Amino acid sequence: MAEVGAAWQNGYAERLMRTIKEEEVQLQEYEDYRDAYEQIGKFLDDVYMRKRIHSSLGYLTPVEFEQQWQQGPGQRQQSQQLQQRQELGLSIQSETEATYSQP
């Protein structure tokens, strides 16, 4: 929660509420409060935290981001380079493999 009179601190919370509203609440019909509570909880656990990509995490899901974080800086850099190569449509083989495979 933001401090009193500091509305700019609410941005992340407001964005989360908008996502829940647009991607869960408006697409479902709930029987009662308990059903809504359970379904929104499932949405947060199953979709928001595992499947939905987040721009603030480099367009990774929170699970993917956490896995990369646990790998350590060296492996994170390699993962980022691999991702960039894939986005550019370049070969995934390493530069040393490319050097040795050329005639």
N, C-alpha and C. Protein backbone atom coordinates (compact mmCIF):
# COMPACT_ATOMS: atom_id res chain seq x y z
N MET A 1 0.84 -1.18 0.00
CA MET A 1 0.00 0.00 0.00
C MET A 1 0.88 1.24 0.00
N ALA A 2 0.37 2.25 -0.63
CA ALA A 2 1.12 3.51 -0.72
C ALA A 2 0.89 4.35 0.53
N GLU A 3 1.79 5.28 0.68
CA GLU A 3 1.63 6.26 1.75
C GLU A 3 0.44 7.16 1.42
N VAL A 4 -0.11 7.78 2.44
CA VAL A 4 -1.20 8.73 2.22
C VAL A 4 -0.68 9.88 1.38
N GLY A 5 -1.39 10.20 0.31
CA GLY A 5 -0.99 11.30 -0.56
C GLY A 5 0.07 10.95 -1.57
N ALA A 6 0.41 9.66 -1.72
CA ALA A 6 1.45 9.23 -2.67
C ALA A 6 0.85 8.20 -3.63
N ALA A 7 -0.08 8.64 -4.43
CA ALA A 7 -0.81 7.74 -5.32
C ALA A 7 0.08 7.04 -6.34
N TRP A 8 1.20 7.66 -6.73
CA TRP A 8 2.09 7.05 -7.73
C TRP A 8 2.69 5.74 -7.25
N GLN A 9 2.65 5.47 -5.95
CA GLN A 9 3.19 4.22 -5.41
C GLN A 9 2.23 3.05 -5.60
N ASN A 10 1.02 3.32 -6.04
CA ASN A 10 0.01 2.28 -6.20
C ASN A 10 0.03 1.62 -7.58
N GLY A 11 0.93 2.00 -8.44
CA GLY A 11 0.91 1.52 -9.82
C GLY A 11 0.89 0.02 -9.97
N TYR A 12 1.74 -0.68 -9.25
CA TYR A 12 1.81 -2.14 -9.37
C TYR A 12 0.53 -2.80 -8.88
N ALA A 13 0.02 -2.32 -7.76
CA ALA A 13 -1.23 -2.88 -7.22
C ALA A 13 -2.40 -2.61 -8.16
N GLU A 14 -2.45 -1.41 -8.71
CA GLU A 14 -3.53 -1.07 -9.64
C GLU A 14 -3.46 -1.95 -10.89
N ARG A 15 -2.26 -2.19 -11.39
CA ARG A 15 -2.10 -3.03 -12.58
C ARG A 15 -2.52 -4.47 -12.30
N LEU A 16 -2.18 -4.97 -11.13
CA LEU A 16 -2.58 -6.32 -10.75
C LEU A 16 -4.10 -6.42 -10.67
N MET A 17 -4.74 -5.44 -10.06
CA MET A 17 -6.20 -5.45 -9.95
C MET A 17 -6.85 -5.39 -11.34
N ARG A 18 -6.28 -4.60 -12.22
CA ARG A 18 -6.81 -4.52 -13.58
C ARG A 18 -6.70 -5.87 -14.29
N THR A 19 -5.55 -6.53 -14.13
CA THR A 19 -5.35 -7.83 -14.76
C THR A 19 -6.35 -8.85 -14.23
N ILE A 20 -6.53 -8.89 -12.92
CA ILE A 20 -7.50 -9.83 -12.34
C ILE A 20 -8.90 -9.54 -12.88
N LYS A 21 -9.25 -8.28 -12.94
CA LYS A 21 -10.57 -7.90 -13.42
C LYS A 21 -10.78 -8.28 -14.88
N GLU A 22 -9.80 -7.98 -15.74
CA GLU A 22 -9.95 -8.21 -17.18
C GLU A 22 -9.78 -9.67 -17.57
N GLU A 23 -8.88 -10.39 -16.91
CA GLU A 23 -8.55 -11.74 -17.35
C GLU A 23 -9.23 -12.84 -16.55
N GLU A 24 -9.88 -12.48 -15.46
CA GLU A 24 -10.56 -13.49 -14.66
C GLU A 24 -12.00 -13.10 -14.37
N VAL A 25 -12.21 -12.02 -13.65
CA VAL A 25 -13.54 -11.67 -13.14
C VAL A 25 -14.54 -11.44 -14.26
N GLN A 26 -14.17 -10.69 -15.28
CA GLN A 26 -15.11 -10.38 -16.35
C GLN A 26 -15.39 -11.58 -17.26
N LEU A 27 -14.60 -12.63 -17.15
CA LEU A 27 -14.78 -13.81 -18.01
C LEU A 27 -15.45 -14.97 -17.28
N GLN A 28 -15.78 -14.79 -16.01
CA GLN A 28 -16.33 -15.88 -15.20
C GLN A 28 -17.66 -15.48 -14.60
N GLU A 29 -18.42 -16.49 -14.22
CA GLU A 29 -19.63 -16.28 -13.42
C GLU A 29 -19.43 -17.07 -12.14
N TYR A 30 -19.57 -16.40 -11.02
CA TYR A 30 -19.35 -17.02 -9.72
C TYR A 30 -20.68 -17.28 -9.04
N GLU A 31 -20.75 -18.41 -8.34
CA GLU A 31 -21.97 -18.76 -7.62
C GLU A 31 -22.16 -17.89 -6.38
N ASP A 32 -21.07 -17.65 -5.67
CA ASP A 32 -21.13 -16.86 -4.44
C ASP A 32 -19.73 -16.34 -4.12
N TYR A 33 -19.61 -15.67 -2.99
CA TYR A 33 -18.33 -15.09 -2.59
C TYR A 33 -17.25 -16.15 -2.47
N ARG A 34 -17.57 -17.28 -1.88
CA ARG A 34 -16.58 -18.35 -1.69
C ARG A 34 -16.06 -18.85 -3.03
N ASP A 35 -16.96 -19.05 -3.99
CA ASP A 35 -16.57 -19.50 -5.32
C ASP A 35 -15.65 -18.48 -5.98
N ALA A 36 -16.00 -17.20 -5.87
CA ALA A 36 -15.17 -16.14 -6.45
C ALA A 36 -13.78 -16.14 -5.80
N TYR A 37 -13.74 -16.25 -4.49
CA TYR A 37 -12.47 -16.27 -3.75
C TYR A 37 -11.59 -17.42 -4.22
N GLU A 38 -12.18 -18.61 -4.37
CA GLU A 38 -11.41 -19.78 -4.80
C GLU A 38 -10.93 -19.65 -6.24
N GLN A 39 -11.81 -19.20 -7.14
CA GLN A 39 -11.45 -19.09 -8.54
C GLN A 39 -10.39 -18.02 -8.78
N ILE A 40 -10.49 -16.90 -8.09
CA ILE A 40 -9.49 -15.85 -8.25
C ILE A 40 -8.15 -16.33 -7.68
N GLY A 41 -8.19 -17.07 -6.59
CA GLY A 41 -6.97 -17.67 -6.04
C GLY A 41 -6.32 -18.63 -7.01
N LYS A 42 -7.12 -19.46 -7.67
CA LYS A 42 -6.60 -20.39 -8.68
C LYS A 42 -6.00 -19.62 -9.86
N PHE A 43 -6.68 -18.55 -10.27
CA PHE A 43 -6.16 -17.73 -11.36
C PHE A 43 -4.78 -17.18 -11.00
N LEU A 44 -4.65 -16.64 -9.80
CA LEU A 44 -3.36 -16.07 -9.38
C LEU A 44 -2.28 -17.14 -9.34
N ASP A 45 -2.60 -18.30 -8.77
CA ASP A 45 -1.60 -19.37 -8.65
C ASP A 45 -1.26 -20.03 -9.98
N ASP A 46 -2.29 -20.36 -10.76
CA ASP A 46 -2.07 -21.15 -11.97
C ASP A 46 -1.72 -20.32 -13.20
N VAL A 47 -2.32 -19.16 -13.35
CA VAL A 47 -2.12 -18.36 -14.56
C VAL A 47 -1.13 -17.22 -14.31
N TYR A 48 -1.45 -16.35 -13.37
CA TYR A 48 -0.65 -15.14 -13.17
C TYR A 48 0.79 -15.46 -12.78
N MET A 49 0.98 -16.46 -11.95
CA MET A 49 2.32 -16.77 -11.46
C MET A 49 3.06 -17.81 -12.30
N ARG A 50 2.36 -18.59 -13.11
CA ARG A 50 3.04 -19.67 -13.83
C ARG A 50 3.02 -19.52 -15.35
N LYS A 51 1.97 -18.96 -15.90
CA LYS A 51 1.82 -18.94 -17.35
C LYS A 51 1.94 -17.56 -17.97
N ARG A 52 1.53 -16.54 -17.24
CA ARG A 52 1.46 -15.18 -17.80
C ARG A 52 2.83 -14.53 -17.77
N ILE A 53 3.27 -14.01 -18.91
CA ILE A 53 4.57 -13.32 -18.96
C ILE A 53 4.41 -11.92 -18.39
N HIS A 54 5.49 -11.40 -17.84
CA HIS A 54 5.48 -10.08 -17.22
C HIS A 54 6.59 -9.23 -17.83
N SER A 55 6.24 -8.07 -18.32
CA SER A 55 7.23 -7.20 -18.96
C SER A 55 8.30 -6.76 -17.96
N SER A 56 7.92 -6.59 -16.71
CA SER A 56 8.90 -6.16 -15.70
C SER A 56 9.91 -7.25 -15.38
N LEU A 57 9.64 -8.50 -15.82
CA LEU A 57 10.57 -9.61 -15.61
C LEU A 57 11.25 -10.02 -16.90
N GLY A 58 11.33 -9.11 -17.85
CA GLY A 58 11.98 -9.42 -19.12
C GLY A 58 11.15 -10.36 -19.98
N TYR A 59 9.83 -10.25 -19.89
CA TYR A 59 8.89 -11.07 -20.64
C TYR A 59 9.06 -12.56 -20.34
N LEU A 60 9.29 -12.84 -19.07
CA LEU A 60 9.32 -14.21 -18.56
C LEU A 60 8.16 -14.38 -17.60
N THR A 61 7.77 -15.63 -17.36
CA THR A 61 6.82 -15.88 -16.29
C THR A 61 7.58 -15.77 -14.97
N PRO A 62 6.88 -15.53 -13.87
CA PRO A 62 7.58 -15.48 -12.58
C PRO A 62 8.37 -16.77 -12.27
N VAL A 63 7.84 -17.91 -12.67
CA VAL A 63 8.54 -19.18 -12.44
C VAL A 63 9.84 -19.23 -13.25
N GLU A 64 9.79 -18.83 -14.52
CA GLU A 64 10.99 -18.82 -15.35
C GLU A 64 12.02 -17.83 -14.81
N PHE A 65 11.55 -16.66 -14.39
CA PHE A 65 12.46 -15.65 -13.83
C PHE A 65 13.15 -16.18 -12.58
N GLU A 66 12.40 -16.83 -11.72
CA GLU A 66 12.98 -17.38 -10.49
C GLU A 66 14.00 -18.47 -10.80
N GLN A 67 13.70 -19.32 -11.78
CA GLN A 67 14.65 -20.37 -12.17
C GLN A 67 15.95 -19.76 -12.69
N GLN A 68 15.84 -18.73 -13.51
CA GLN A 68 17.05 -18.08 -14.02
C GLN A 68 17.81 -17.41 -12.89
N TRP A 69 17.10 -16.82 -11.96
CA TRP A 69 17.75 -16.14 -10.84
C TRP A 69 18.55 -17.14 -10.01
N GLN A 70 18.00 -18.32 -9.80
CA GLN A 70 18.67 -19.34 -9.00
C GLN A 70 19.89 -19.93 -9.71
N GLN A 71 19.93 -19.84 -11.02
CA GLN A 71 21.06 -20.37 -11.78
C GLN A 71 22.34 -19.60 -11.53
N GLY A 72 22.23 -18.34 -11.25
CA GLY A 72 23.42 -17.52 -11.04
C GLY A 72 23.68 -16.62 -12.22
N PRO A 73 24.52 -15.60 -12.04
CA PRO A 73 24.74 -14.59 -13.07
C PRO A 73 25.32 -15.13 -14.37
N GLY A 74 26.27 -16.05 -14.32
CA GLY A 74 26.89 -16.57 -15.54
C GLY A 74 25.90 -17.30 -16.41
N GLN A 75 25.11 -18.16 -15.81
CA GLN A 75 24.12 -18.91 -16.57
C GLN A 75 22.98 -18.03 -17.03
N ARG A 76 22.64 -17.02 -16.24
CA ARG A 76 21.60 -16.08 -16.66
C ARG A 76 22.02 -15.36 -17.93
N GLN A 77 23.29 -14.96 -17.98
CA GLN A 77 23.78 -14.26 -19.15
C GLN A 77 23.73 -15.18 -20.37
N GLN A 78 24.11 -16.44 -20.19
CA GLN A 78 24.04 -17.39 -21.30
C GLN A 78 22.60 -17.58 -21.76
N SER A 79 21.66 -17.67 -20.81
CA SER A 79 20.25 -17.83 -21.15
C SER A 79 19.74 -16.62 -21.93
N GLN A 80 20.15 -15.42 -21.51
CA GLN A 80 19.72 -14.21 -22.20
C GLN A 80 20.29 -14.17 -23.61
N GLN A 81 21.54 -14.57 -23.76
CA GLN A 81 22.15 -14.58 -25.09
C GLN A 81 21.45 -15.60 -25.99
N LEU A 82 21.12 -16.76 -25.43
CA LEU A 82 20.41 -17.78 -26.19
C LEU A 82 19.05 -17.26 -26.65
N GLN A 83 18.36 -16.59 -25.74
CA GLN A 83 17.05 -16.05 -26.06
C GLN A 83 17.16 -14.99 -27.16
N GLN A 84 18.17 -14.14 -27.07
CA GLN A 84 18.36 -13.11 -28.09
C GLN A 84 18.67 -13.75 -29.44
N ARG A 85 19.49 -14.79 -29.45
CA ARG A 85 19.82 -15.47 -30.70
C ARG A 85 18.56 -16.09 -31.32
N GLN A 86 17.72 -16.69 -30.47
CA GLN A 86 16.50 -17.30 -30.97
C GLN A 86 15.56 -16.23 -31.54
N GLU A 87 15.46 -15.11 -30.86
CA GLU A 87 14.60 -14.03 -31.34
C GLU A 87 15.07 -13.50 -32.69
N LEU A 88 16.37 -13.49 -32.90
CA LEU A 88 16.92 -13.01 -34.17
C LEU A 88 16.93 -14.09 -35.24
N GLY A 89 16.54 -15.31 -34.86
CA GLY A 89 16.52 -16.41 -35.82
C GLY A 89 17.90 -16.96 -36.12
N LEU A 90 18.85 -16.71 -35.24
CA LEU A 90 20.20 -17.21 -35.44
C LEU A 90 20.32 -18.64 -34.92
N SER A 91 21.33 -19.30 -35.37
CA SER A 91 21.60 -20.66 -34.93
C SER A 91 21.87 -20.66 -33.43
N ILE A 92 21.46 -21.72 -32.79
CA ILE A 92 21.64 -21.82 -31.34
C ILE A 92 23.01 -22.40 -30.99
N GLN A 93 23.73 -22.95 -31.97
CA GLN A 93 25.04 -23.51 -31.66
C GLN A 93 25.99 -22.43 -31.18
N SER A 94 26.90 -22.81 -30.33
CA SER A 94 27.83 -21.83 -29.78
C SER A 94 28.80 -21.35 -30.84
N GLU A 95 29.48 -20.26 -30.56
CA GLU A 95 30.43 -19.70 -31.52
C GLU A 95 31.60 -20.66 -31.76
N THR A 96 32.02 -21.37 -30.70
CA THR A 96 33.13 -22.31 -30.87
C THR A 96 32.71 -23.48 -31.76
N GLU A 97 31.47 -23.96 -31.60
CA GLU A 97 30.99 -25.03 -32.47
C GLU A 97 30.93 -24.55 -33.91
N ALA A 98 30.50 -23.32 -34.11
CA ALA A 98 30.43 -22.77 -35.46
C ALA A 98 31.81 -22.66 -36.08
N THR A 99 32.81 -22.29 -35.29
CA THR A 99 34.17 -22.17 -35.77
C THR A 99 34.71 -23.51 -36.23
N TYR A 100 34.48 -24.55 -35.43
CA TYR A 100 35.02 -25.87 -35.76
C TYR A 100 34.24 -26.58 -36.86
N SER A 101 32.99 -26.21 -37.05
CA SER A 101 32.19 -26.90 -38.05
C SER A 101 32.35 -26.30 -39.44
N GLN A 102 32.98 -25.15 -39.56
CA GLN A 102 33.16 -24.54 -40.87
C GLN A 102 34.34 -25.21 -41.58
N PRO A 103 34.21 -25.45 -42.91
CA PRO A 103 35.28 -26.11 -43.67
C PRO A 103 36.49 -25.21 -43.89
